Amino acid sequence: MRKISSARLIAGFTMATALFLAAGAATAQQTAQTEPDGDQLTIDIDTAVGLALHSNLGLETEQLKLALKRNAKNTVWNQFIPVMSVSANLARWNAEQTLSPMLVPVPPAVGGVYDTVALTPSQTLPRWALSTRVSASLTLTAQMFYGIKQTVLDYNSGKTSLEKARVTLERDVRKQFYNLLLLQRQIALQRDAIKTAQERLDQTKVNYDNGLVDEYTYLSAQVSLANLKPALEELSSAYDTALMAFDQMLGIDLTARPTLEGTIGAQVIPISTKDADKLIVKFVDRRYDIVGLKEAITSLRNVVMITKSGMFPTLTFSYSADPTFMGDPFKDPWFADINRDWKQQSGMFSISIGLRLDPLLPASQTRVKIGEYENQIEQTQVSLTQARQGAEIEIRRIVQTLEKTRNTLDVKKMNSQLAQRALSLAQEGYRAGTRDLLDVRNAEQDLQKAQVDVLSDEYNYTAGLLDLEYALNATLDEIRGTINGN
């Protein structure tokens, strides 16, 4: 037997332990990816959208609704399966049943004519009787075929609703993500402002103690600091509320505080008011509200045909068989002679044609329903026209807002550059002794505020582009190509 040295044994044990720990770490990492801990989760905007599409409860509800409609569409053919049933009956007479004698013709010995009759003896029937029955029927109507079409229309409508829910969720997640980034920067700016006010108050107190400033100046510095703190609390509360809504969208713990990774801003598209006409002509009919109204009109028209088809004839195919055992089911063999032992009583095959007459009357319920559905179609067509007008107004408003924001963004970027230059001058003056520290801090605060103003406009522009994509149901590449005439 080969001996294993203790050094090798320890080395092997160490390696196995390392492999076990590595596997455990990989499993923990995979678990963290599938079920992320919101407090330790760092997400960017694409990850946020992916989590929302995977775990959002509202979207899951739409998916379940579509699954039901898909199942209905895939199984709608089952209405052509005949209605079938089978039964068996075993009965016992309470009293004996006797078959009375009957006159029957006697066949001639060799050819000839049946000219002789005989009287059959009376027979006592079995106390037990066995009978079976098989039946099947299929009714074909015009309503069945329009009903199949209605099921397909309902499924297509469900797909549109699900796609709309997905696009809406993605837009909301992206806007909320950028909104949280903006709130973070605003909170940071407010904290810097409080820090500057505190430093100003400390320096004012020193000057007040040395008699360099009066009490009013000292009290004004205290009031300025006190006025800044409620705004910070309000911003923090707004951030917490927005973060809770964001967690709900992503389907994670509502108390989670994930770290957001990203910046505010989007590629500027040179879109102007005159481009709105091109976008409206090309994309307005792709909007989900327009598509939904068109699908509603198509569905209502099919409902009208379903109702009208109730006035058409119906065709029914029926078949039944009722083999009955002629002997005693407990004494006689069942299948010795099938033709002799089993007899049909009332089995048959039939084809029936039926027509309802009451729908043909002018004031029948069917004709009243048809009139109601046609009125709903007209109302929906009016709603479609109104929706197109509302869409046109919305698209023009978004385009105008984007153009205005783009113009103001350039001005605010220039203001940020000026604030940067002012900070540089303040720093130079501080080094030369002509400016104090607070002048530098004020210049820094002005620069931070100018930068956040730029971020605010960038957020508004980015949110406007997201709203435009949603309003047109088009991507930025499609919008850019339309503007460029492609």
Protein backbone atom coordinates (compact mmCIF):
# COMPACT_ATOMS: atom_id res chain seq x y z
CA MET A 1 0.00 0.00 0.00
CA ARG A 2 1.41 3.39 -1.04
CA LYS A 3 1.89 5.85 1.78
CA ILE A 4 0.90 9.48 1.44
CA SER A 5 3.07 12.02 3.13
CA SER A 6 1.50 14.51 5.55
CA ALA A 7 2.75 17.40 3.42
CA ARG A 8 0.89 16.10 0.36
CA LEU A 9 -2.21 15.46 2.45
CA ILE A 10 -2.19 19.01 3.76
CA ALA A 11 -1.59 20.39 0.27
CA GLY A 12 -4.48 18.36 -1.12
CA PHE A 13 -6.78 19.44 1.67
CA THR A 14 -5.81 23.08 1.12
CA MET A 15 -6.51 22.82 -2.62
CA ALA A 16 -9.88 21.18 -2.04
CA THR A 17 -10.80 23.87 0.46
CA ALA A 18 -9.81 26.58 -2.01
CA LEU A 19 -11.90 24.99 -4.77
CA PHE A 20 -14.88 24.71 -2.41
CA LEU A 21 -14.60 28.35 -1.40
CA ALA A 22 -14.23 29.44 -5.03
CA ALA A 23 -17.33 27.46 -6.00
CA GLY A 24 -19.21 28.96 -3.09
CA ALA A 25 -18.16 32.44 -4.12
CA ALA A 26 -19.25 31.81 -7.70
CA THR A 27 -22.61 30.50 -6.50
CA ALA A 28 -23.05 33.50 -4.23
CA GLN A 29 -22.18 35.83 -7.09
CA GLN A 30 -24.68 34.10 -9.37
CA THR A 31 -27.34 34.32 -6.66
CA ALA A 32 -26.58 38.00 -6.20
CA GLN A 33 -27.06 38.49 -9.93
CA THR A 34 -30.40 36.71 -10.00
CA GLU A 35 -31.65 38.10 -6.69
CA PRO A 36 -29.69 41.33 -6.21
CA ASP A 37 -29.38 42.97 -2.82
CA GLY A 38 -30.51 46.53 -3.40
CA ASP A 39 -28.12 47.94 -0.77
CA GLN A 40 -25.09 46.42 -2.55
CA LEU A 41 -26.33 46.71 -6.11
CA THR A 42 -24.65 49.09 -8.53
CA ILE A 43 -26.70 49.54 -11.66
CA ASP A 44 -26.55 51.57 -14.82
CA ILE A 45 -29.52 52.58 -16.91
CA ASP A 46 -29.52 49.49 -19.15
CA THR A 47 -29.34 47.18 -16.13
CA ALA A 48 -32.23 49.06 -14.56
CA VAL A 49 -34.33 48.57 -17.67
CA GLY A 50 -33.45 44.86 -17.76
CA LEU A 51 -34.44 44.37 -14.11
CA ALA A 52 -37.72 46.19 -14.66
CA LEU A 53 -38.63 44.15 -17.74
CA HIS A 54 -37.82 40.96 -15.84
CA SER A 55 -39.46 41.64 -12.48
CA ASN A 56 -42.05 44.41 -12.78
CA LEU A 57 -45.42 43.20 -11.44
CA GLY A 58 -47.48 45.36 -13.77
CA LEU A 59 -45.70 43.95 -16.81
CA GLU A 60 -46.08 40.43 -15.44
CA THR A 61 -49.84 40.97 -15.24
CA GLU A 62 -49.94 41.95 -18.92
CA GLN A 63 -47.88 38.86 -19.81
CA LEU A 64 -50.32 36.60 -17.97
CA LYS A 65 -53.25 38.22 -19.79
CA LEU A 66 -51.54 37.64 -23.12
CA ALA A 67 -50.81 34.02 -22.19
CA LEU A 68 -54.54 33.41 -21.68
CA LYS A 69 -55.35 34.99 -25.06
CA ARG A 70 -52.59 32.99 -26.74
CA ASN A 71 -53.97 29.76 -25.31
CA ALA A 72 -57.46 30.72 -26.51
CA LYS A 73 -56.11 31.39 -30.02
CA ASN A 74 -54.18 28.11 -30.15
CA THR A 75 -57.18 26.04 -29.02
CA VAL A 76 -60.01 27.85 -30.80
CA TRP A 77 -60.23 24.99 -33.32
CA ASN A 78 -61.67 22.71 -30.59
CA GLN A 79 -65.18 24.01 -31.30
CA PHE A 80 -65.15 21.73 -34.36
CA ILE A 81 -64.80 18.68 -32.11
CA PRO A 82 -68.23 16.97 -31.98
CA VAL A 83 -70.06 16.71 -28.69
CA MET A 84 -69.73 13.01 -27.84
CA SER A 85 -71.07 10.83 -25.05
CA VAL A 86 -71.21 7.18 -24.18
CA SER A 87 -73.35 5.41 -21.57
CA ALA A 88 -74.32 1.96 -20.38
CA ASN A 89 -77.44 0.89 -18.53
CA LEU A 90 -77.95 -2.26 -16.49
CA ALA A 91 -81.55 -2.69 -15.32
CA ARG A 92 -83.59 -5.39 -13.55
CA TRP A 93 -87.32 -5.74 -13.96
CA ASN A 94 -89.29 -5.80 -10.74
CA ALA A 95 -91.70 -8.33 -12.28
CA GLU A 96 -91.12 -10.92 -14.94
CA GLN A 97 -91.69 -9.72 -18.49
CA THR A 98 -93.37 -12.13 -20.89
CA LEU A 99 -93.26 -11.96 -24.67
CA SER A 100 -96.74 -12.80 -25.93
CA PRO A 101 -97.24 -15.40 -28.74
CA MET A 102 -97.04 -13.97 -32.25
CA LEU A 103 -98.13 -15.14 -35.69
CA VAL A 104 -95.16 -15.46 -38.01
CA PRO A 105 -95.02 -16.75 -41.62
CA VAL A 106 -93.56 -20.23 -42.16
CA PRO A 107 -91.17 -20.50 -45.09
CA PRO A 108 -92.13 -23.16 -47.71
CA ALA A 109 -90.13 -26.35 -47.94
CA VAL A 110 -88.98 -25.78 -51.53
CA GLY A 111 -89.55 -22.36 -53.10
CA GLY A 112 -93.08 -21.25 -53.45
CA VAL A 113 -95.10 -18.75 -51.53
CA TYR A 114 -95.32 -17.99 -47.82
CA ASP A 115 -98.85 -19.25 -47.34
CA THR A 116 -98.61 -20.79 -43.89
CA VAL A 117 -98.36 -19.06 -40.52
CA ALA A 118 -97.44 -20.41 -37.11
CA LEU A 119 -97.93 -19.22 -33.56
CA THR A 120 -94.74 -18.67 -31.61
CA PRO A 121 -94.70 -19.82 -28.03
CA SER A 122 -94.75 -17.26 -25.27
CA GLN A 123 -91.34 -16.39 -23.80
CA THR A 124 -90.25 -15.14 -20.44
CA LEU A 125 -87.70 -12.36 -20.87
CA PRO A 126 -84.58 -12.16 -18.65
CA ARG A 127 -85.04 -10.19 -15.45
CA TRP A 128 -81.78 -8.32 -16.22
CA ALA A 129 -81.32 -6.10 -19.28
CA LEU A 130 -78.10 -4.50 -20.59
CA SER A 131 -78.13 -1.59 -23.02
CA THR A 132 -75.54 0.91 -24.24
CA ARG A 133 -75.67 4.20 -26.08
CA VAL A 134 -73.15 6.24 -28.09
CA SER A 135 -73.98 9.65 -29.51
CA ALA A 136 -72.13 12.44 -31.31
CA SER A 137 -73.30 15.75 -32.74
CA LEU A 138 -71.69 18.71 -34.46
CA THR A 139 -73.40 22.01 -35.17
CA LEU A 140 -71.87 24.36 -37.72
CA THR A 141 -72.80 28.04 -37.76
CA ALA A 142 -71.40 31.14 -39.41
CA GLN A 143 -70.81 32.56 -35.93
CA MET A 144 -68.14 29.93 -35.33
CA PHE A 145 -65.91 31.25 -38.12
CA TYR A 146 -66.31 34.90 -37.09
CA GLY A 147 -65.66 33.80 -33.51
CA ILE A 148 -62.32 32.33 -34.59
CA LYS A 149 -61.43 35.66 -36.15
CA GLN A 150 -62.48 37.45 -32.95
CA THR A 151 -60.14 35.26 -30.91
CA VAL A 152 -57.25 36.16 -33.20
CA LEU A 153 -58.15 39.86 -32.95
CA ASP A 154 -58.22 39.64 -29.15
CA TYR A 155 -54.77 38.03 -29.19
CA ASN A 156 -53.35 40.76 -31.45
CA SER A 157 -54.87 43.38 -29.15
CA GLY A 158 -53.21 41.67 -26.19
CA LYS A 159 -49.83 41.79 -27.95
CA THR A 160 -50.28 45.51 -28.54
CA SER A 161 -51.16 46.06 -24.87
CA LEU A 162 -48.11 44.11 -23.72
CA GLU A 163 -45.78 45.96 -26.08
CA LYS A 164 -47.22 49.27 -24.93
CA ALA A 165 -46.69 48.27 -21.30
CA ARG A 166 -43.07 47.33 -22.03
CA VAL A 167 -42.29 50.56 -23.87
CA THR A 168 -44.04 52.63 -21.20
CA LEU A 169 -42.13 50.89 -18.43
CA GLU A 170 -38.81 51.35 -20.21
CA ARG A 171 -39.47 55.05 -20.73
CA ASP A 172 -40.52 55.55 -17.10
CA VAL A 173 -37.48 53.67 -15.78
CA ARG A 174 -35.08 55.74 -17.89
CA LYS A 175 -36.70 59.03 -16.87
CA GLN A 176 -36.73 58.03 -13.20
CA PHE A 177 -33.07 56.97 -13.40
CA TYR A 178 -32.05 60.36 -14.79
CA ASN A 179 -34.31 62.11 -12.28
CA LEU A 180 -32.53 60.36 -9.41
CA LEU A 181 -29.15 61.41 -10.78
CA LEU A 182 -30.40 64.99 -10.98
CA LEU A 183 -31.68 64.86 -7.40
CA GLN A 184 -28.33 63.51 -6.24
CA ARG A 185 -26.52 66.46 -7.79
CA GLN A 186 -29.03 68.91 -6.33
CA ILE A 187 -28.53 67.39 -2.87
CA ALA A 188 -24.75 67.65 -3.28
CA LEU A 189 -25.10 71.31 -4.30
CA GLN A 190 -27.32 72.04 -1.30
CA ARG A 191 -24.84 70.41 1.06
CA ASP A 192 -22.04 72.50 -0.42
CA ALA A 193 -24.19 75.60 0.05
CA ILE A 194 -24.74 74.69 3.71
CA LYS A 195 -21.03 74.10 4.16
CA THR A 196 -20.26 77.49 2.65
CA ALA A 197 -22.91 79.18 4.82
CA GLN A 198 -21.44 77.52 7.92
CA GLU A 199 -17.96 78.76 7.04
CA ARG A 200 -19.37 82.22 6.42
CA LEU A 201 -21.12 82.13 9.80
CA ASP A 202 -17.92 81.04 11.57
CA GLN A 203 -15.93 83.86 9.99
CA THR A 204 -18.71 86.37 10.74
CA LYS A 205 -18.73 85.28 14.39
CA VAL A 206 -15.01 85.87 14.61
CA ASN A 207 -15.43 89.30 13.07
CA TYR A 208 -18.38 90.02 15.39
CA ASP A 209 -16.41 89.00 18.44
CA ASN A 210 -13.58 91.31 17.29
CA GLY A 211 -16.01 94.16 16.68
CA LEU A 212 -15.47 94.22 12.92
CA VAL A 213 -19.17 93.62 12.03
CA ASP A 214 -22.42 94.52 13.74
CA GLU A 215 -24.96 92.13 15.29
CA TYR A 216 -27.30 92.39 12.28
CA THR A 217 -24.63 90.96 9.97
CA TYR A 218 -24.00 88.13 12.41
CA LEU A 219 -27.74 87.35 12.73
CA SER A 220 -28.19 87.48 8.94
CA ALA A 221 -25.49 84.83 8.54
CA GLN A 222 -27.32 82.63 11.07
CA VAL A 223 -30.64 83.05 9.26
CA SER A 224 -29.03 82.25 5.89
CA LEU A 225 -27.68 78.98 7.27
CA ALA A 226 -30.99 78.07 8.92
CA ASN A 227 -32.93 78.71 5.71
CA LEU A 228 -30.79 76.27 3.74
CA LYS A 229 -31.38 73.22 5.95
CA PRO A 230 -35.13 72.71 5.29
CA ALA A 231 -34.44 72.73 1.55
CA LEU A 232 -31.91 69.92 2.04
CA GLU A 233 -34.45 67.92 4.03
CA GLU A 234 -37.04 68.45 1.31
CA LEU A 235 -34.63 67.33 -1.41
CA SER A 236 -33.63 64.26 0.61
CA SER A 237 -37.28 63.36 1.16
CA ALA A 238 -38.03 63.77 -2.53
CA TYR A 239 -35.06 61.55 -3.36
CA ASP A 240 -36.20 58.83 -0.95
CA THR A 241 -39.71 58.90 -2.42
CA ALA A 242 -38.40 58.77 -5.98
CA LEU A 243 -36.00 55.95 -5.08
CA MET A 244 -38.84 53.91 -3.57
CA ALA A 245 -40.84 54.29 -6.78
CA PHE A 246 -37.74 53.33 -8.75
CA ASP A 247 -37.26 50.17 -6.63
CA GLN A 248 -40.89 49.24 -7.27
CA MET A 249 -40.37 49.60 -11.02
CA LEU A 250 -37.32 47.34 -10.83
CA GLY A 251 -39.08 44.75 -8.67
CA ILE A 252 -36.53 44.89 -5.84
CA ASP A 253 -36.89 45.57 -2.11
CA LEU A 254 -38.61 48.91 -1.58
CA THR A 255 -36.10 49.77 1.16
CA ALA A 256 -33.10 49.12 -1.10
CA ARG A 257 -30.73 51.97 -1.89
CA PRO A 258 -28.82 50.88 -5.02
CA THR A 259 -25.87 52.86 -6.28
CA LEU A 260 -26.65 54.54 -9.60
CA GLU A 261 -23.92 54.61 -12.21
CA GLY A 262 -24.33 57.00 -15.10
CA THR A 263 -24.50 60.59 -16.25
CA ILE A 264 -27.26 62.87 -17.40
CA GLY A 265 -27.19 63.93 -21.00
CA ALA A 266 -28.02 62.78 -24.47
CA GLN A 267 -26.78 63.35 -27.97
CA VAL A 268 -28.31 66.57 -29.23
CA ILE A 269 -30.51 66.15 -32.31
CA PRO A 270 -30.93 69.28 -34.43
CA ILE A 271 -34.71 69.01 -34.39
CA SER A 272 -36.83 72.10 -35.03
CA THR A 273 -40.51 72.98 -35.28
CA LYS A 274 -40.57 72.52 -39.04
CA ASP A 275 -39.57 68.87 -38.59
CA ALA A 276 -42.77 68.10 -36.68
CA ASP A 277 -44.79 67.72 -39.91
CA LYS A 278 -42.44 65.02 -41.23
CA LEU A 279 -42.58 63.11 -37.97
CA ILE A 280 -46.37 63.32 -37.75
CA VAL A 281 -46.92 62.09 -41.31
CA LYS A 282 -44.55 59.14 -40.94
CA PHE A 283 -45.09 57.95 -37.38
CA VAL A 284 -48.46 59.08 -36.04
CA ASP A 285 -50.24 55.88 -37.11
CA ARG A 286 -47.64 53.82 -35.21
CA ARG A 287 -48.68 55.27 -31.86
CA TYR A 288 -50.10 52.71 -29.48
CA ASP A 289 -53.28 54.69 -28.81
CA ILE A 290 -53.95 55.01 -32.55
CA VAL A 291 -53.21 51.32 -33.13
CA GLY A 292 -55.44 50.37 -30.21
CA LEU A 293 -58.39 52.39 -31.56
CA LYS A 294 -57.97 50.87 -35.03
CA GLU A 295 -57.96 47.40 -33.50
CA ALA A 296 -61.08 48.29 -31.51
CA ILE A 297 -62.88 49.34 -34.71
CA THR A 298 -61.87 46.11 -36.46
CA SER A 299 -63.04 44.09 -33.46
CA LEU A 300 -66.40 45.90 -33.33
CA ARG A 301 -66.98 45.30 -37.03
CA ASN A 302 -66.32 41.61 -36.50
CA VAL A 303 -68.75 41.61 -33.56
CA VAL A 304 -71.37 43.05 -35.91
CA MET A 305 -70.75 40.15 -38.30
CA ILE A 306 -70.99 37.67 -35.42
CA THR A 307 -74.36 39.13 -34.48
CA LYS A 308 -75.60 39.18 -38.07
CA SER A 309 -74.49 35.59 -38.63
CA GLY A 310 -76.98 34.59 -35.94
CA MET A 311 -79.65 35.12 -38.62
CA PHE A 312 -78.00 32.54 -40.90
CA PRO A 313 -79.07 28.85 -41.00
CA THR A 314 -77.36 26.30 -38.76
CA LEU A 315 -76.29 22.84 -39.89
CA THR A 316 -76.24 19.97 -37.37
CA PHE A 317 -74.82 16.48 -37.89
CA SER A 318 -75.90 13.83 -35.38
CA TYR A 319 -75.17 10.16 -34.96
CA SER A 320 -76.38 7.76 -32.26
CA ALA A 321 -76.14 4.04 -31.62
CA ASP A 322 -77.80 2.06 -28.82
CA PRO A 323 -76.82 -1.63 -28.96
CA THR A 324 -78.97 -3.63 -26.52
CA PHE A 325 -78.09 -7.13 -25.32
CA MET A 326 -80.99 -9.47 -26.05
CA GLY A 327 -80.12 -12.20 -23.53
CA ASP A 328 -79.43 -12.42 -19.84
CA PRO A 329 -76.19 -10.48 -19.19
CA PHE A 330 -75.34 -12.75 -16.23
CA LYS A 331 -76.05 -16.11 -17.88
CA ASP A 332 -75.64 -15.80 -21.63
CA PRO A 333 -72.34 -15.10 -23.46
CA TRP A 334 -72.14 -11.52 -24.69
CA PHE A 335 -70.33 -12.00 -27.97
CA ALA A 336 -71.26 -15.48 -29.12
CA ASP A 337 -73.19 -14.08 -32.09
CA ILE A 338 -73.06 -10.29 -32.20
CA ASN A 339 -75.69 -9.95 -34.91
CA ARG A 340 -78.11 -12.08 -32.93
CA ASP A 341 -77.27 -11.03 -29.36
CA TRP A 342 -77.08 -7.24 -29.89
CA LYS A 343 -79.86 -5.27 -31.54
CA GLN A 344 -80.26 -1.60 -32.36
CA GLN A 345 -83.32 0.12 -30.94
CA SER A 346 -83.32 3.72 -32.13
CA GLY A 347 -79.79 4.53 -33.36
CA MET A 348 -79.52 6.72 -36.45
CA PHE A 349 -77.55 9.34 -38.40
CA SER A 350 -79.24 12.68 -39.12
CA ILE A 351 -78.55 16.03 -40.77
CA SER A 352 -80.62 18.98 -39.61
CA ILE A 353 -80.91 22.54 -40.88
CA GLY A 354 -82.36 25.23 -38.62
CA LEU A 355 -83.12 28.90 -38.94
CA ARG A 356 -84.14 31.37 -36.25
CA LEU A 357 -86.96 33.60 -37.41
CA ASP A 358 -87.14 36.18 -34.60
CA PRO A 359 -83.87 37.97 -35.61
CA LEU A 360 -85.44 38.69 -39.00
CA LEU A 361 -88.05 40.96 -37.42
CA PRO A 362 -87.27 44.71 -37.67
CA ALA A 363 -87.32 45.36 -33.90
CA SER A 364 -85.78 42.10 -32.74
CA GLN A 365 -83.06 42.03 -30.10
CA THR A 366 -80.51 40.99 -32.71
CA ARG A 367 -81.19 43.99 -34.94
CA VAL A 368 -81.13 46.33 -31.93
CA LYS A 369 -77.72 44.98 -30.90
CA ILE A 370 -76.43 45.43 -34.45
CA GLY A 371 -77.53 49.06 -34.34
CA GLU A 372 -75.79 49.55 -30.98
CA TYR A 373 -72.54 48.06 -32.25
CA GLU A 374 -72.61 50.20 -35.38
CA ASN A 375 -73.14 53.27 -33.18
CA GLN A 376 -70.11 52.23 -31.11
CA ILE A 377 -68.08 51.97 -34.30
CA GLU A 378 -68.99 55.53 -35.23
CA GLN A 379 -68.08 56.73 -31.74
CA THR A 380 -64.73 54.94 -31.91
CA GLN A 381 -64.01 56.49 -35.30
CA VAL A 382 -64.65 59.92 -33.78
CA SER A 383 -62.31 59.01 -30.92
CA LEU A 384 -59.71 57.97 -33.49
CA THR A 385 -59.94 61.37 -35.17
CA GLN A 386 -59.63 63.10 -31.80
CA ALA A 387 -56.67 60.89 -30.89
CA ARG A 388 -54.89 61.84 -34.11
CA GLN A 389 -55.46 65.53 -33.39
CA GLY A 390 -54.26 65.11 -29.81
CA ALA A 391 -51.20 63.21 -31.02
CA GLU A 392 -50.34 65.97 -33.46
CA ILE A 393 -50.57 68.57 -30.68
CA GLU A 394 -48.46 66.44 -28.34
CA ILE A 395 -45.75 65.83 -30.94
CA ARG A 396 -45.55 69.52 -31.86
CA ARG A 397 -45.36 70.49 -28.19
CA ILE A 398 -42.54 68.03 -27.52
CA VAL A 399 -40.60 69.22 -30.58
CA GLN A 400 -41.00 72.87 -29.57
CA THR A 401 -39.87 72.08 -26.02
CA LEU A 402 -36.83 70.23 -27.33
CA GLU A 403 -35.88 73.13 -29.56
CA LYS A 404 -36.27 75.62 -26.72
CA THR A 405 -34.30 73.45 -24.29
CA ARG A 406 -31.51 73.01 -26.82
CA ASN A 407 -31.21 76.77 -27.21
CA THR A 408 -31.24 77.50 -23.45
CA LEU A 409 -28.78 74.68 -22.89
CA ASP A 410 -26.20 76.50 -25.00
CA VAL A 411 -26.69 79.67 -22.93
CA LYS A 412 -26.35 77.77 -19.64
CA LYS A 413 -23.23 76.02 -20.84
CA MET A 414 -21.77 79.45 -21.61
CA ASN A 415 -22.80 80.61 -18.13
CA SER A 416 -21.01 77.58 -16.67
CA GLN A 417 -17.87 78.56 -18.54
CA LEU A 418 -18.12 82.10 -17.14
CA ALA A 419 -18.56 80.70 -13.63
CA GLN A 420 -15.45 78.60 -14.18
CA ARG A 421 -13.54 81.73 -15.20
CA ALA A 422 -14.86 83.60 -12.14
CA LEU A 423 -13.64 80.80 -9.87
CA SER A 424 -10.20 80.97 -11.45
CA LEU A 425 -10.05 84.74 -10.82
CA ALA A 426 -11.21 84.27 -7.22
CA GLN A 427 -8.52 81.67 -6.64
CA GLU A 428 -5.87 83.97 -8.13
CA GLY A 429 -7.09 86.84 -5.92
CA TYR A 430 -6.99 84.61 -2.85
CA ARG A 431 -3.41 83.65 -3.58
CA ALA A 432 -2.57 87.35 -4.09
CA GLY A 433 -4.33 88.32 -0.84
CA THR A 434 -7.02 90.47 -2.46
CA ARG A 435 -9.78 87.89 -1.94
CA ASP A 436 -10.70 85.94 1.14
CA LEU A 437 -11.63 82.25 1.39
CA LEU A 438 -15.35 82.87 1.30
CA ASP A 439 -15.05 84.60 -2.07
CA VAL A 440 -13.48 81.44 -3.40
CA ARG A 441 -16.19 79.26 -1.84
CA ASN A 442 -18.92 81.49 -3.26
CA ALA A 443 -17.35 81.25 -6.69
CA GLU A 444 -17.20 77.47 -6.32
CA GLN A 445 -20.88 77.39 -5.33
CA ASP A 446 -21.80 79.56 -8.33
CA LEU A 447 -19.92 77.16 -10.57
CA GLN A 448 -21.65 74.14 -9.04
CA LYS A 449 -25.04 75.78 -9.44
CA ALA A 450 -24.29 76.64 -13.07
CA GLN A 451 -23.22 73.05 -13.69
CA VAL A 452 -26.43 71.69 -12.11
CA ASP A 453 -28.44 74.12 -14.25
CA VAL A 454 -26.74 72.57 -17.25
CA LEU A 455 -27.56 69.12 -15.91
CA SER A 456 -31.19 70.13 -15.36
CA ASP A 457 -31.52 71.24 -18.96
CA GLU A 458 -29.73 68.09 -20.12
CA TYR A 459 -32.21 66.06 -18.08
CA ASN A 460 -35.13 67.98 -19.59
CA TYR A 461 -33.72 67.41 -23.07
CA THR A 462 -33.10 63.71 -22.44
CA ALA A 463 -36.58 63.27 -20.96
CA GLY A 464 -38.01 65.14 -23.96
CA LEU A 465 -36.29 62.74 -26.36
CA LEU A 466 -37.70 59.78 -24.42
CA ASP A 467 -41.17 61.33 -24.60
CA LEU A 468 -40.74 61.90 -28.34
CA GLU A 469 -39.68 58.30 -28.91
CA TYR A 470 -42.74 57.14 -26.99
CA ALA A 471 -45.10 59.58 -28.72
CA LEU A 472 -43.93 58.41 -32.16
CA ASN A 473 -43.24 54.76 -31.25
CA ALA A 474 -39.94 55.21 -33.07
CA THR A 475 -36.25 54.98 -32.23
CA LEU A 476 -33.87 57.94 -32.23
CA ASP A 477 -32.21 56.57 -35.37
CA GLU A 478 -35.57 56.53 -37.16
CA ILE A 479 -36.32 60.07 -35.96
CA ARG A 480 -32.89 61.30 -37.00
CA GLY A 481 -33.25 59.65 -40.42
CA THR A 482 -36.67 61.24 -40.97
CA ILE A 483 -35.33 64.67 -40.08
CA ASN A 484 -32.43 64.19 -42.49
CA GLY A 485 -34.81 63.15 -45.26
CA ASN A 486 -33.86 59.47 -45.30
